[in-house]
Amino acid sequence: MKFETLILQSLFAACLLVCLLTFGAMVTSNVNVAASVASHAPVAASVSSAG
C-alpha cells in the first residue's frame, strides 16, 4: 500500500508540474492571438447567388 501511495503522489506531482509549466508558457507568451489567427485563416470569397 505504501508503494502505490508513493507512485500516485509522484504522478500527481508530475502532472501538476506539467500543468503549471504549460500555464506559465501560455501566460508569458508574446504571441498576438488575433494576428496569428487572422494570418492562418483562409480568405473568404464573397459569392452572390444568381437567383
PDB file of N, CA and C in Angstrom:
ATOM      1  N   MET A   1       0.829  -1.200   0.000  1.00  0.00           N
ATOM      2  CA  MET A   1       0.000   0.000   0.000  1.00  0.00           C
ATOM      3  C   MET A   1       0.869   1.258   0.000  1.00  0.00           C
ATOM      4  N   LYS A   2       1.980   1.223   0.666  1.00  0.00           N
ATOM      5  CA  LYS A   2       2.872   2.377   0.729  1.00  0.00           C
ATOM      6  C   LYS A   2       3.436   2.696  -0.665  1.00  0.00           C
ATOM      7  N   PHE A   3       3.795   1.647  -1.430  1.00  0.00           N
ATOM      8  CA  PHE A   3       4.358   1.837  -2.771  1.00  0.00           C
ATOM      9  C   PHE A   3       3.344   2.498  -3.701  1.00  0.00           C
ATOM     10  N   GLU A   4       2.098   2.032  -3.656  1.00  0.00           N
ATOM     11  CA  GLU A   4       1.065   2.596  -4.519  1.00  0.00           C
ATOM     12  C   GLU A   4       0.798   4.065  -4.178  1.00  0.00           C
ATOM     13  N   THR A   5       0.789   4.386  -2.906  1.00  0.00           N
ATOM     14  CA  THR A   5       0.583   5.768  -2.485  1.00  0.00           C
ATOM     15  C   THR A   5       1.714   6.658  -2.973  1.00  0.00           C
ATOM     16  N   LEU A   6       2.940   6.179  -2.872  1.00  0.00           N
ATOM     17  CA  LEU A   6       4.094   6.941  -3.343  1.00  0.00           C
ATOM     18  C   LEU A   6       4.024   7.172  -4.850  1.00  0.00           C
ATOM     19  N   ILE A   7       3.645   6.141  -5.599  1.00  0.00           N
ATOM     20  CA  ILE A   7       3.537   6.265  -7.058  1.00  0.00           C
ATOM     21  C   ILE A   7       2.437   7.261  -7.427  1.00  0.00           C
ATOM     22  N   LEU A   8       1.285   7.190  -6.764  1.00  0.00           N
ATOM     23  CA  LEU A   8       0.188   8.117  -7.060  1.00  0.00           C
ATOM     24  C   LEU A   8       0.556   9.558  -6.712  1.00  0.00           C
ATOM     25  N   GLN A   9       1.243   9.759  -5.599  1.00  0.00           N
ATOM     26  CA  GLN A   9       1.660  11.109  -5.230  1.00  0.00           C
ATOM     27  C   GLN A   9       2.697  11.649  -6.210  1.00  0.00           C
ATOM     28  N   SER A  10       3.582  10.784  -6.677  1.00  0.00           N
ATOM     29  CA  SER A  10       4.577  11.205  -7.670  1.00  0.00           C
ATOM     30  C   SER A  10       3.907  11.553  -8.989  1.00  0.00           C
ATOM     31  N   LEU A  11       2.923  10.770  -9.390  1.00  0.00           N
ATOM     32  CA  LEU A  11       2.193  11.048 -10.627  1.00  0.00           C
ATOM     33  C   LEU A  11       1.435  12.368 -10.509  1.00  0.00           C
ATOM     34  N   PHE A  12       0.818  12.600  -9.368  1.00  0.00           N
ATOM     35  CA  PHE A  12       0.109  13.854  -9.146  1.00  0.00           C
ATOM     36  C   PHE A  12       1.074  15.038  -9.224  1.00  0.00           C
ATOM     37  N   ALA A  13       2.215  14.908  -8.598  1.00  0.00           N
ATOM     38  CA  ALA A  13       3.211  15.989  -8.614  1.00  0.00           C
ATOM     39  C   ALA A  13       3.708  16.239 -10.036  1.00  0.00           C
ATOM     40  N   ALA A  14       3.940  15.190 -10.806  1.00  0.00           N
ATOM     41  CA  ALA A  14       4.414  15.347 -12.183  1.00  0.00           C
ATOM     42  C   ALA A  14       3.349  16.008 -13.053  1.00  0.00           C
ATOM     43  N   CYS A  15       2.103  15.605 -12.900  1.00  0.00           N
ATOM     44  CA  CYS A  15       1.012  16.205 -13.686  1.00  0.00           C
ATOM     45  C   CYS A  15       0.822  17.672 -13.313  1.00  0.00           C
ATOM     46  N   LEU A  16       0.908  17.982 -12.033  1.00  0.00           N
ATOM     47  CA  LEU A  16       0.777  19.361 -11.581  1.00  0.00           C
ATOM     48  C   LEU A  16       1.912  20.220 -12.140  1.00  0.00           C
ATOM     49  N   LEU A  17       3.117  19.681 -12.155  1.00  0.00           N
ATOM     50  CA  LEU A  17       4.256  20.411 -12.692  1.00  0.00           C
ATOM     51  C   LEU A  17       4.083  20.689 -14.182  1.00  0.00           C
ATOM     52  N   VAL A  18       3.626  19.693 -14.930  1.00  0.00           N
ATOM     53  CA  VAL A  18       3.399  19.879 -16.370  1.00  0.00           C
ATOM     54  C   VAL A  18       2.317  20.928 -16.604  1.00  0.00           C
ATOM     55  N   CYS A  19       1.245  20.882 -15.843  1.00  0.00           N
ATOM     56  CA  CYS A  19       0.165  21.870 -15.991  1.00  0.00           C
ATOM     57  C   CYS A  19       0.660  23.274 -15.666  1.00  0.00           C
ATOM     58  N   LEU A  20       1.422  23.424 -14.604  1.00  0.00           N
ATOM     59  CA  LEU A  20       1.935  24.736 -14.225  1.00  0.00           C
ATOM     60  C   LEU A  20       2.914  25.277 -15.270  1.00  0.00           C
ATOM     61  N   LEU A  21       3.758  24.417 -15.811  1.00  0.00           N
ATOM     62  CA  LEU A  21       4.690  24.860 -16.845  1.00  0.00           C
ATOM     63  C   LEU A  21       3.956  25.269 -18.116  1.00  0.00           C
ATOM     64  N   THR A  22       2.919  24.524 -18.480  1.00  0.00           N
ATOM     65  CA  THR A  22       2.128  24.867 -19.661  1.00  0.00           C
ATOM     66  C   THR A  22       1.401  26.185 -19.453  1.00  0.00           C
ATOM     67  N   PHE A  23       0.798  26.354 -18.289  1.00  0.00           N
ATOM     68  CA  PHE A  23       0.104  27.599 -17.984  1.00  0.00           C
ATOM     69  C   PHE A  23       1.070  28.783 -17.979  1.00  0.00           C
ATOM     70  N   GLY A  24       2.218  28.591 -17.394  1.00  0.00           N
ATOM     71  CA  GLY A  24       3.222  29.641 -17.366  1.00  0.00           C
ATOM     72  C   GLY A  24       3.692  30.019 -18.761  1.00  0.00           C
ATOM     73  N   ALA A  25       3.838  29.047 -19.636  1.00  0.00           N
ATOM     74  CA  ALA A  25       4.249  29.330 -21.011  1.00  0.00           C
ATOM     75  C   ALA A  25       3.164  30.099 -21.750  1.00  0.00           C
ATOM     76  N   MET A  26       1.906  29.779 -21.496  1.00  0.00           N
ATOM     77  CA  MET A  26       0.811  30.492 -22.164  1.00  0.00           C
ATOM     78  C   MET A  26       0.699  31.927 -21.660  1.00  0.00           C
ATOM     79  N   VAL A  27       0.887  32.128 -20.365  1.00  0.00           N
ATOM     80  CA  VAL A  27       0.745  33.458 -19.785  1.00  0.00           C
ATOM     81  C   VAL A  27       1.888  34.376 -20.224  1.00  0.00           C
ATOM     82  N   THR A  28       3.095  33.852 -20.267  1.00  0.00           N
ATOM     83  CA  THR A  28       4.248  34.685 -20.583  1.00  0.00           C
ATOM     84  C   THR A  28       4.543  34.762 -22.075  1.00  0.00           C
ATOM     85  N   SER A  29       3.730  34.138 -22.890  1.00  0.00           N
ATOM     86  CA  SER A  29       3.925  34.163 -24.338  1.00  0.00           C
ATOM     87  C   SER A  29       3.646  35.556 -24.885  1.00  0.00           C
ATOM     88  N   ASN A  30       4.406  35.959 -25.905  1.00  0.00           N
ATOM     89  CA  ASN A  30       4.241  37.273 -26.505  1.00  0.00           C
ATOM     90  C   ASN A  30       3.522  37.213 -27.850  1.00  0.00           C
ATOM     91  N   VAL A  31       2.785  36.166 -28.108  1.00  0.00           N
ATOM     92  CA  VAL A  31       2.111  35.994 -29.387  1.00  0.00           C
ATOM     93  C   VAL A  31       0.809  36.779 -29.399  1.00  0.00           C
ATOM     94  N   ASN A  32       0.585  37.548 -30.460  1.00  0.00           N
ATOM     95  CA  ASN A  32      -0.675  38.257 -30.636  1.00  0.00           C
ATOM     96  C   ASN A  32      -1.664  37.269 -31.263  1.00  0.00           C
ATOM     97  N   VAL A  33      -2.644  36.832 -30.498  1.00  0.00           N
ATOM     98  CA  VAL A  33      -3.550  35.772 -30.935  1.00  0.00           C
ATOM     99  C   VAL A  33      -4.372  36.201 -32.139  1.00  0.00           C
ATOM    100  N   ALA A  34      -4.890  37.415 -32.142  1.00  0.00           N
ATOM    101  CA  ALA A  34      -5.736  37.876 -33.246  1.00  0.00           C
ATOM    102  C   ALA A  34      -4.950  37.901 -34.546  1.00  0.00           C
ATOM    103  N   ALA A  35      -3.725  38.381 -34.517  1.00  0.00           N
ATOM    104  CA  ALA A  35      -2.905  38.430 -35.730  1.00  0.00           C
ATOM    105  C   ALA A  35      -2.531  37.023 -36.175  1.00  0.00           C
ATOM    106  N   SER A  36      -2.271  36.140 -35.218  1.00  0.00           N
ATOM    107  CA  SER A  36      -1.895  34.773 -35.555  1.00  0.00           C
ATOM    108  C   SER A  36      -3.053  34.029 -36.202  1.00  0.00           C
ATOM    109  N   VAL A  37      -4.254  34.194 -35.663  1.00  0.00           N
ATOM    110  CA  VAL A  37      -5.435  33.530 -36.218  1.00  0.00           C
ATOM    111  C   VAL A  37      -5.772  34.111 -37.585  1.00  0.00           C
ATOM    112  N   ALA A  38      -5.668  35.423 -37.712  1.00  0.00           N
ATOM    113  CA  ALA A  38      -6.006  36.069 -38.974  1.00  0.00           C
ATOM    114  C   ALA A  38      -5.025  35.683 -40.077  1.00  0.00           C
ATOM    115  N   SER A  39      -3.772  35.487 -39.725  1.00  0.00           N
ATOM    116  CA  SER A  39      -2.791  35.164 -40.754  1.00  0.00           C
ATOM    117  C   SER A  39      -2.937  33.728 -41.247  1.00  0.00           C
ATOM    118  N   HIS A  40      -3.531  32.844 -40.432  1.00  0.00           N
ATOM    119  CA  HIS A  40      -3.689  31.450 -40.829  1.00  0.00           C
ATOM    120  C   HIS A  40      -5.096  31.133 -41.334  1.00  0.00           C
ATOM    121  N   ALA A  41      -5.992  32.088 -41.261  1.00  0.00           N
ATOM    122  CA  ALA A  41      -7.369  31.853 -41.691  1.00  0.00           C
ATOM    123  C   ALA A  41      -7.447  31.924 -43.220  1.00  0.00           C
ATOM    124  N   PRO A  42      -8.224  31.057 -43.819  1.00  0.00           N
ATOM    125  CA  PRO A  42      -8.397  31.127 -45.281  1.00  0.00           C
ATOM    126  C   PRO A  42      -9.180  32.388 -45.671  1.00  0.00           C
ATOM    127  N   VAL A  43      -8.897  32.888 -46.828  1.00  0.00           N
ATOM    128  CA  VAL A  43      -9.578  34.084 -47.302  1.00  0.00           C
ATOM    129  C   VAL A  43     -10.971  33.690 -47.749  1.00  0.00           C
ATOM    130  N   ALA A  44     -11.961  34.362 -47.213  1.00  0.00           N
ATOM    131  CA  ALA A  44     -13.342  34.059 -47.549  1.00  0.00           C
ATOM    132  C   ALA A  44     -13.712  34.738 -48.857  1.00  0.00           C
ATOM    133  N   ALA A  45     -14.275  33.974 -49.759  1.00  0.00           N
ATOM    134  CA  ALA A  45     -14.685  34.540 -51.053  1.00  0.00           C
ATOM    135  C   ALA A  45     -16.159  34.898 -50.960  1.00  0.00           C
ATOM    136  N   SER A  46     -16.496  36.068 -51.419  1.00  0.00           N
ATOM    137  CA  SER A  46     -17.870  36.512 -51.402  1.00  0.00           C
ATOM    138  C   SER A  46     -18.549  36.019 -52.668  1.00  0.00           C
ATOM    139  N   VAL A  47     -19.580  35.207 -52.504  1.00  0.00           N
ATOM    140  CA  VAL A  47     -20.273  34.625 -53.656  1.00  0.00           C
ATOM    141  C   VAL A  47     -21.708  35.124 -53.655  1.00  0.00           C
ATOM    142  N   SER A  48     -22.122  35.702 -54.753  1.00  0.00           N
ATOM    143  CA  SER A  48     -23.521  36.143 -54.844  1.00  0.00           C
ATOM    144  C   SER A  48     -24.299  35.134 -55.664  1.00  0.00           C
ATOM    145  N   SER A  49     -25.497  34.834 -55.179  1.00  0.00           N
ATOM    146  CA  SER A  49     -26.302  33.856 -55.899  1.00  0.00           C
ATOM    147  C   SER A  49     -26.920  34.486 -57.148  1.00  0.00           C
ATOM    148  N   ALA A  50     -27.082  33.697 -58.194  1.00  0.00           N
ATOM    149  CA  ALA A  50     -27.617  34.186 -59.465  1.00  0.00           C
ATOM    150  C   ALA A  50     -29.126  34.089 -59.476  1.00  0.00           C
ATOM    151  N   GLY A  51     -29.726  34.007 -58.317  1.00  0.00           N
ATOM    152  CA  GLY A  51     -31.108  33.751 -58.102  1.00  0.00           C
ATOM    153  C   GLY A  51     -32.120  34.584 -58.610  1.00  0.00           C
TER     154      GLY A  51
END
